[in-house]
Amino acid sequence: SVKNGLALLSNQVAGNYAFNSNYNYADVYHPVGKTSADVIGVISSFSYLGFYGKVDDNDVLWLKHTIHFNRVKFYANNSENDGDTVIQYLIIYK
């Protein structure tokens, strides 16, 4: 089975918070009856990503995830964020 959709990230802040799990995240909960043990794969991409200022060689983008017992947590943003980041995801289950 699969779960897919769009997720608006919570607690968004501009700046390089790529390694801070308190910012710029979305929790996607597993379907009823599924756990992390059932996850076969996860794919994600940006649906909307806003920028302010000059985009140059010191800017950073990130999109990553961690798999937890009851959810997949996505982290995404950029160092010059000026809007609500939205991601697309696909989670594949046994």
C-alpha atoms as a PDB file:
ATOM      1  CA  SER A   1       0.000   0.000   0.000  1.00  0.00           C
ATOM      2  CA  VAL A   2       1.037   3.622  -0.414  1.00  0.00           C
ATOM      3  CA  LYS A   3       0.354   6.954   1.227  1.00  0.00           C
ATOM      4  CA  ASN A   4       0.963  10.135  -0.719  1.00  0.00           C
ATOM      5  CA  GLY A   5       0.093  13.791  -0.543  1.00  0.00           C
ATOM      6  CA  LEU A   6       1.226  17.314   0.210  1.00  0.00           C
ATOM      7  CA  ALA A   7       2.428  18.580   3.583  1.00  0.00           C
ATOM      8  CA  LEU A   8       2.783  22.167   4.759  1.00  0.00           C
ATOM      9  CA  LEU A   9       5.746  22.400   7.104  1.00  0.00           C
ATOM     10  CA  SER A  10       5.247  23.585  10.689  1.00  0.00           C
ATOM     11  CA  ASN A  11       7.248  26.008  12.833  1.00  0.00           C
ATOM     12  CA  GLN A  12       9.008  27.515   9.819  1.00  0.00           C
ATOM     13  CA  VAL A  13      11.917  29.887  10.261  1.00  0.00           C
ATOM     14  CA  ALA A  14      14.379  31.316   7.785  1.00  0.00           C
ATOM     15  CA  GLY A  15      18.047  30.521   8.139  1.00  0.00           C
ATOM     16  CA  ASN A  16      20.113  27.373   8.185  1.00  0.00           C
ATOM     17  CA  TYR A  17      18.205  25.079  10.554  1.00  0.00           C
ATOM     18  CA  ALA A  18      18.905  21.920   8.555  1.00  0.00           C
ATOM     19  CA  PHE A  19      19.974  19.960  11.626  1.00  0.00           C
ATOM     20  CA  ASN A  20      17.438  21.322  14.114  1.00  0.00           C
ATOM     21  CA  SER A  21      14.378  19.056  14.347  1.00  0.00           C
ATOM     22  CA  ASN A  22      12.354  21.756  16.145  1.00  0.00           C
ATOM     23  CA  TYR A  23      11.909  23.816  12.965  1.00  0.00           C
ATOM     24  CA  ASN A  24      10.654  23.367   9.413  1.00  0.00           C
ATOM     25  CA  TYR A  25       9.043  19.938   9.732  1.00  0.00           C
ATOM     26  CA  ALA A  26       5.913  17.970   8.878  1.00  0.00           C
ATOM     27  CA  ASP A  27       4.720  14.789  10.577  1.00  0.00           C
ATOM     28  CA  VAL A  28       2.934  12.288   8.336  1.00  0.00           C
ATOM     29  CA  TYR A  29       1.348   9.499  10.370  1.00  0.00           C
ATOM     30  CA  HIS A  30       1.241   5.904   9.172  1.00  0.00           C
ATOM     31  CA  PRO A  31      -2.123   4.455   8.121  1.00  0.00           C
ATOM     32  CA  VAL A  32      -4.051   2.454  10.700  1.00  0.00           C
ATOM     33  CA  GLY A  33      -2.383  -0.921  11.224  1.00  0.00           C
ATOM     34  CA  LYS A  34       1.004   0.150   9.818  1.00  0.00           C
ATOM     35  CA  THR A  35       4.211   0.957  11.730  1.00  0.00           C
ATOM     36  CA  SER A  36       7.778   1.864  10.836  1.00  0.00           C
ATOM     37  CA  ALA A  37       8.480  -1.855  10.355  1.00  0.00           C
ATOM     38  CA  ASP A  38       6.105  -1.802   7.355  1.00  0.00           C
ATOM     39  CA  VAL A  39       7.844   1.085   5.541  1.00  0.00           C
ATOM     40  CA  ILE A  40       9.605  -0.080   2.373  1.00  0.00           C
ATOM     41  CA  GLY A  41      10.555   3.322   0.977  1.00  0.00           C
ATOM     42  CA  VAL A  42      10.026   7.076   1.152  1.00  0.00           C
ATOM     43  CA  ILE A  43      10.259   9.617  -1.663  1.00  0.00           C
ATOM     44  CA  SER A  44       9.816  13.366  -1.240  1.00  0.00           C
ATOM     45  CA  SER A  45      10.279  16.546  -3.237  1.00  0.00           C
ATOM     46  CA  PHE A  46       9.562  20.254  -2.967  1.00  0.00           C
ATOM     47  CA  SER A  47       6.143  21.431  -4.112  1.00  0.00           C
ATOM     48  CA  TYR A  48       6.677  25.073  -3.115  1.00  0.00           C
ATOM     49  CA  LEU A  49       9.828  26.746  -1.859  1.00  0.00           C
ATOM     50  CA  GLY A  50      10.038  30.537  -1.545  1.00  0.00           C
ATOM     51  CA  PHE A  51      13.163  32.703  -1.626  1.00  0.00           C
ATOM     52  CA  TYR A  52      13.978  36.257  -0.617  1.00  0.00           C
ATOM     53  CA  GLY A  53      17.033  38.307  -1.447  1.00  0.00           C
ATOM     54  CA  LYS A  54      19.758  37.290  -3.834  1.00  0.00           C
ATOM     55  CA  VAL A  55      20.143  33.576  -4.435  1.00  0.00           C
ATOM     56  CA  ASP A  56      23.848  32.846  -4.687  1.00  0.00           C
ATOM     57  CA  ASP A  57      26.513  30.272  -3.829  1.00  0.00           C
ATOM     58  CA  ASN A  58      26.119  30.544  -0.052  1.00  0.00           C
ATOM     59  CA  ASP A  59      22.465  29.449   0.021  1.00  0.00           C
ATOM     60  CA  VAL A  60      21.423  26.038   1.293  1.00  0.00           C
ATOM     61  CA  LEU A  61      18.446  23.776   0.480  1.00  0.00           C
ATOM     62  CA  TRP A  62      17.530  20.661   2.425  1.00  0.00           C
ATOM     63  CA  LEU A  63      14.854  17.987   2.335  1.00  0.00           C
ATOM     64  CA  LYS A  64      15.232  14.887   4.472  1.00  0.00           C
ATOM     65  CA  HIS A  65      13.163  12.530   6.585  1.00  0.00           C
ATOM     66  CA  THR A  66      13.331  10.263   9.600  1.00  0.00           C
ATOM     67  CA  ILE A  67      11.162   7.209  10.139  1.00  0.00           C
ATOM     68  CA  HIS A  68       9.538   6.858  13.551  1.00  0.00           C
ATOM     69  CA  PHE A  69       7.325   4.092  14.952  1.00  0.00           C
ATOM     70  CA  ASN A  70       4.076   5.960  14.237  1.00  0.00           C
ATOM     71  CA  ARG A  71       5.076   8.509  11.570  1.00  0.00           C
ATOM     72  CA  VAL A  72       7.560   9.795   9.026  1.00  0.00           C
ATOM     73  CA  LYS A  73       8.955  13.222   9.908  1.00  0.00           C
ATOM     74  CA  PHE A  74      10.049  15.429   7.006  1.00  0.00           C
ATOM     75  CA  TYR A  75      12.430  18.387   7.371  1.00  0.00           C
ATOM     76  CA  ALA A  76      12.775  20.887   4.545  1.00  0.00           C
ATOM     77  CA  ASN A  77      13.539  24.515   3.818  1.00  0.00           C
ATOM     78  CA  ASN A  78      16.164  26.875   2.497  1.00  0.00           C
ATOM     79  CA  SER A  79      18.424  29.477   4.041  1.00  0.00           C
ATOM     80  CA  GLU A  80      16.509  32.331   2.339  1.00  0.00           C
ATOM     81  CA  ASN A  81      12.941  31.228   3.038  1.00  0.00           C
ATOM     82  CA  ASP A  82      10.204  33.812   2.571  1.00  0.00           C
ATOM     83  CA  GLY A  83       7.102  31.648   2.540  1.00  0.00           C
ATOM     84  CA  ASP A  84       5.395  28.469   3.600  1.00  0.00           C
ATOM     85  CA  THR A  85       7.367  25.468   2.339  1.00  0.00           C
ATOM     86  CA  VAL A  86       5.236  22.627   0.971  1.00  0.00           C
ATOM     87  CA  ILE A  87       6.521  19.155   0.150  1.00  0.00           C
ATOM     88  CA  GLN A  88       5.115  16.204  -1.784  1.00  0.00           C
ATOM     89  CA  TYR A  89       5.641  12.732  -0.374  1.00  0.00           C
ATOM     90  CA  LEU A  90       5.130   9.083  -1.222  1.00  0.00           C
ATOM     91  CA  ILE A  91       5.481   6.416   1.465  1.00  0.00           C
ATOM     92  CA  ILE A  92       5.460   2.775   0.366  1.00  0.00           C
ATOM     93  CA  TYR A  93       4.385   0.064   2.841  1.00  0.00           C
ATOM     94  CA  LYS A  94       4.514  -3.740   2.829  1.00  0.00           C
END
